[in-house]
Amino acid sequence: MTDEEQARLKAQAGSMPKGAYIKSVIFADDAPKYRKRRQAPSAEQQLLAEVLARLGQTKHANNLNQIAKHLNQGTLVLDDELAADINAALVDIAWMRVKLMEALGVQS
């Protein structure tokens, strides 16, 4: 502490020993709490984070947009690769649906 802070502490403590005064301020029921302890994420938050992570790793939104574009243009050619991409997207979307429903406490 600086000399000024020491003097201020001594003045505020008055006739109380400084240690006793500090303890009374720190352990007072109305003492300010500057930091909240970080709580572990709930199971719901973990599920939502998992869904968001999975969604971020995929290109399903872009792929589905391209499929819709080609359907509208009449230029969609359904080959094995596209069929596999569509099936992979459907599996991921079904998984995300289940996890979101679990996180929200909704039974399917």
C-alpha atoms as a PDB file:
ATOM      1  CA  MET A   1       0.000   0.000   0.000  1.00  0.00           C
ATOM      2  CA  THR A   2       1.064   3.540  -0.576  1.00  0.00           C
ATOM      3  CA  ASP A   3       1.610   5.874   2.368  1.00  0.00           C
ATOM      4  CA  GLU A   4      -1.640   7.626   1.468  1.00  0.00           C
ATOM      5  CA  GLU A   5      -3.557   4.314   1.482  1.00  0.00           C
ATOM      6  CA  GLN A   6      -2.001   3.368   4.830  1.00  0.00           C
ATOM      7  CA  ALA A   7      -3.084   6.701   6.311  1.00  0.00           C
ATOM      8  CA  ARG A   8      -6.604   6.276   4.940  1.00  0.00           C
ATOM      9  CA  LEU A   9      -6.825   2.743   6.379  1.00  0.00           C
ATOM     10  CA  LYS A  10      -5.625   3.954   9.778  1.00  0.00           C
ATOM     11  CA  ALA A  11      -8.203   6.759   9.760  1.00  0.00           C
ATOM     12  CA  GLN A  12     -11.035   4.431   8.779  1.00  0.00           C
ATOM     13  CA  ALA A  13     -10.058   1.779  11.344  1.00  0.00           C
ATOM     14  CA  GLY A  14     -10.089   4.368  14.120  1.00  0.00           C
ATOM     15  CA  SER A  15      -9.260   2.664  17.429  1.00  0.00           C
ATOM     16  CA  MET A  16      -9.638  -0.845  15.949  1.00  0.00           C
ATOM     17  CA  PRO A  17      -6.485  -2.751  15.083  1.00  0.00           C
ATOM     18  CA  LYS A  18      -5.990  -2.575  11.306  1.00  0.00           C
ATOM     19  CA  GLY A  19      -6.197  -6.375  10.918  1.00  0.00           C
ATOM     20  CA  ALA A  20      -9.489  -6.538  12.812  1.00  0.00           C
ATOM     21  CA  TYR A  21     -10.885  -3.645  10.785  1.00  0.00           C
ATOM     22  CA  ILE A  22      -9.867  -5.247   7.486  1.00  0.00           C
ATOM     23  CA  LYS A  23     -11.474  -8.554   8.532  1.00  0.00           C
ATOM     24  CA  SER A  24     -14.681  -6.786   9.558  1.00  0.00           C
ATOM     25  CA  VAL A  25     -14.910  -5.102   6.160  1.00  0.00           C
ATOM     26  CA  ILE A  26     -13.987  -8.172   4.116  1.00  0.00           C
ATOM     27  CA  PHE A  27     -16.310 -10.561   5.925  1.00  0.00           C
ATOM     28  CA  ALA A  28     -19.255  -8.170   6.248  1.00  0.00           C
ATOM     29  CA  ASP A  29     -22.492  -9.513   4.783  1.00  0.00           C
ATOM     30  CA  ASP A  30     -22.835  -6.471   2.557  1.00  0.00           C
ATOM     31  CA  ALA A  31     -19.209  -6.517   1.367  1.00  0.00           C
ATOM     32  CA  PRO A  32     -19.046  -5.894  -2.394  1.00  0.00           C
ATOM     33  CA  LYS A  33     -18.361  -8.889  -4.557  1.00  0.00           C
ATOM     34  CA  TYR A  34     -16.317  -7.895  -7.549  1.00  0.00           C
ATOM     35  CA  ARG A  35     -15.984 -11.241  -9.275  1.00  0.00           C
ATOM     36  CA  LYS A  36     -18.463 -13.987  -9.695  1.00  0.00           C
ATOM     37  CA  ARG A  37     -17.153 -17.485  -9.765  1.00  0.00           C
ATOM     38  CA  ARG A  38     -17.509 -19.020 -13.157  1.00  0.00           C
ATOM     39  CA  GLN A  39     -19.962 -21.861 -12.949  1.00  0.00           C
ATOM     40  CA  ALA A  40     -19.563 -25.026 -14.923  1.00  0.00           C
ATOM     41  CA  PRO A  41     -21.863 -25.087 -17.932  1.00  0.00           C
ATOM     42  CA  SER A  42     -25.126 -26.914 -17.437  1.00  0.00           C
ATOM     43  CA  ALA A  43     -25.872 -30.096 -19.350  1.00  0.00           C
ATOM     44  CA  GLU A  44     -28.177 -28.073 -21.607  1.00  0.00           C
ATOM     45  CA  GLN A  45     -25.457 -25.545 -22.368  1.00  0.00           C
ATOM     46  CA  GLN A  46     -23.022 -28.354 -23.153  1.00  0.00           C
ATOM     47  CA  LEU A  47     -25.502 -29.931 -25.575  1.00  0.00           C
ATOM     48  CA  LEU A  48     -26.144 -26.608 -27.288  1.00  0.00           C
ATOM     49  CA  ALA A  49     -22.407 -25.962 -27.562  1.00  0.00           C
ATOM     50  CA  GLU A  50     -21.951 -29.407 -29.089  1.00  0.00           C
ATOM     51  CA  VAL A  51     -24.674 -28.726 -31.659  1.00  0.00           C
ATOM     52  CA  LEU A  52     -23.172 -25.345 -32.539  1.00  0.00           C
ATOM     53  CA  ALA A  53     -19.719 -26.893 -32.881  1.00  0.00           C
ATOM     54  CA  ARG A  54     -21.063 -29.595 -35.169  1.00  0.00           C
ATOM     55  CA  LEU A  55     -22.942 -27.020 -37.219  1.00  0.00           C
ATOM     56  CA  GLY A  56     -19.801 -24.911 -37.563  1.00  0.00           C
ATOM     57  CA  GLN A  57     -17.831 -27.880 -38.864  1.00  0.00           C
ATOM     58  CA  THR A  58     -20.243 -28.616 -41.691  1.00  0.00           C
ATOM     59  CA  LYS A  59     -21.044 -26.905 -44.962  1.00  0.00           C
ATOM     60  CA  HIS A  60     -24.605 -28.188 -44.982  1.00  0.00           C
ATOM     61  CA  ALA A  61     -26.272 -24.795 -45.212  1.00  0.00           C
ATOM     62  CA  ASN A  62     -24.217 -23.876 -48.270  1.00  0.00           C
ATOM     63  CA  ASN A  63     -24.657 -27.331 -49.818  1.00  0.00           C
ATOM     64  CA  LEU A  64     -28.435 -27.274 -49.322  1.00  0.00           C
ATOM     65  CA  ASN A  65     -28.556 -23.789 -50.828  1.00  0.00           C
ATOM     66  CA  GLN A  66     -26.680 -25.004 -53.904  1.00  0.00           C
ATOM     67  CA  ILE A  67     -28.995 -28.013 -54.240  1.00  0.00           C
ATOM     68  CA  ALA A  68     -32.058 -25.751 -54.027  1.00  0.00           C
ATOM     69  CA  LYS A  69     -30.544 -23.422 -56.631  1.00  0.00           C
ATOM     70  CA  HIS A  70     -29.975 -26.263 -59.077  1.00  0.00           C
ATOM     71  CA  LEU A  71     -33.445 -27.688 -58.412  1.00  0.00           C
ATOM     72  CA  ASN A  72     -34.974 -24.305 -59.234  1.00  0.00           C
ATOM     73  CA  GLN A  73     -32.873 -24.045 -62.403  1.00  0.00           C
ATOM     74  CA  GLY A  74     -33.659 -27.609 -63.422  1.00  0.00           C
ATOM     75  CA  THR A  75     -29.957 -28.440 -63.619  1.00  0.00           C
ATOM     76  CA  LEU A  76     -29.675 -30.853 -60.703  1.00  0.00           C
ATOM     77  CA  VAL A  77     -27.800 -34.032 -61.522  1.00  0.00           C
ATOM     78  CA  LEU A  78     -28.105 -36.556 -58.718  1.00  0.00           C
ATOM     79  CA  ASP A  79     -24.879 -38.553 -58.747  1.00  0.00           C
ATOM     80  CA  ASP A  80     -23.437 -40.774 -56.008  1.00  0.00           C
ATOM     81  CA  GLU A  81     -21.440 -37.941 -54.459  1.00  0.00           C
ATOM     82  CA  LEU A  82     -24.448 -35.632 -54.208  1.00  0.00           C
ATOM     83  CA  ALA A  83     -26.604 -38.435 -52.817  1.00  0.00           C
ATOM     84  CA  ALA A  84     -23.936 -39.125 -50.164  1.00  0.00           C
ATOM     85  CA  ASP A  85     -23.738 -35.397 -49.292  1.00  0.00           C
ATOM     86  CA  ILE A  86     -27.521 -35.191 -48.923  1.00  0.00           C
ATOM     87  CA  ASN A  87     -27.598 -38.292 -46.725  1.00  0.00           C
ATOM     88  CA  ALA A  88     -24.745 -36.957 -44.547  1.00  0.00           C
ATOM     89  CA  ALA A  89     -26.596 -33.661 -44.151  1.00  0.00           C
ATOM     90  CA  LEU A  90     -29.788 -35.470 -43.188  1.00  0.00           C
ATOM     91  CA  VAL A  91     -27.948 -37.530 -40.557  1.00  0.00           C
ATOM     92  CA  ASP A  92     -26.349 -34.405 -39.070  1.00  0.00           C
ATOM     93  CA  ILE A  93     -29.628 -32.483 -39.103  1.00  0.00           C
ATOM     94  CA  ALA A  94     -31.430 -35.377 -37.391  1.00  0.00           C
ATOM     95  CA  TRP A  95     -28.674 -35.514 -34.748  1.00  0.00           C
ATOM     96  CA  MET A  96     -28.900 -31.751 -34.180  1.00  0.00           C
ATOM     97  CA  ARG A  97     -32.677 -31.995 -33.810  1.00  0.00           C
ATOM     98  CA  VAL A  98     -32.371 -34.690 -31.150  1.00  0.00           C
ATOM     99  CA  LYS A  99     -29.684 -32.785 -29.233  1.00  0.00           C
ATOM    100  CA  LEU A 100     -31.606 -29.495 -29.373  1.00  0.00           C
ATOM    101  CA  MET A 101     -34.734 -31.226 -28.107  1.00  0.00           C
ATOM    102  CA  GLU A 102     -32.713 -32.815 -25.272  1.00  0.00           C
ATOM    103  CA  ALA A 103     -31.227 -29.416 -24.370  1.00  0.00           C
ATOM    104  CA  LEU A 104     -34.666 -27.850 -24.323  1.00  0.00           C
ATOM    105  CA  GLY A 105     -36.168 -30.718 -22.340  1.00  0.00           C
ATOM    106  CA  VAL A 106     -38.614 -31.636 -25.092  1.00  0.00           C
ATOM    107  CA  GLN A 107     -39.453 -35.299 -25.562  1.00  0.00           C
ATOM    108  CA  SER A 108     -39.735 -36.565 -29.122  1.00  0.00           C
END
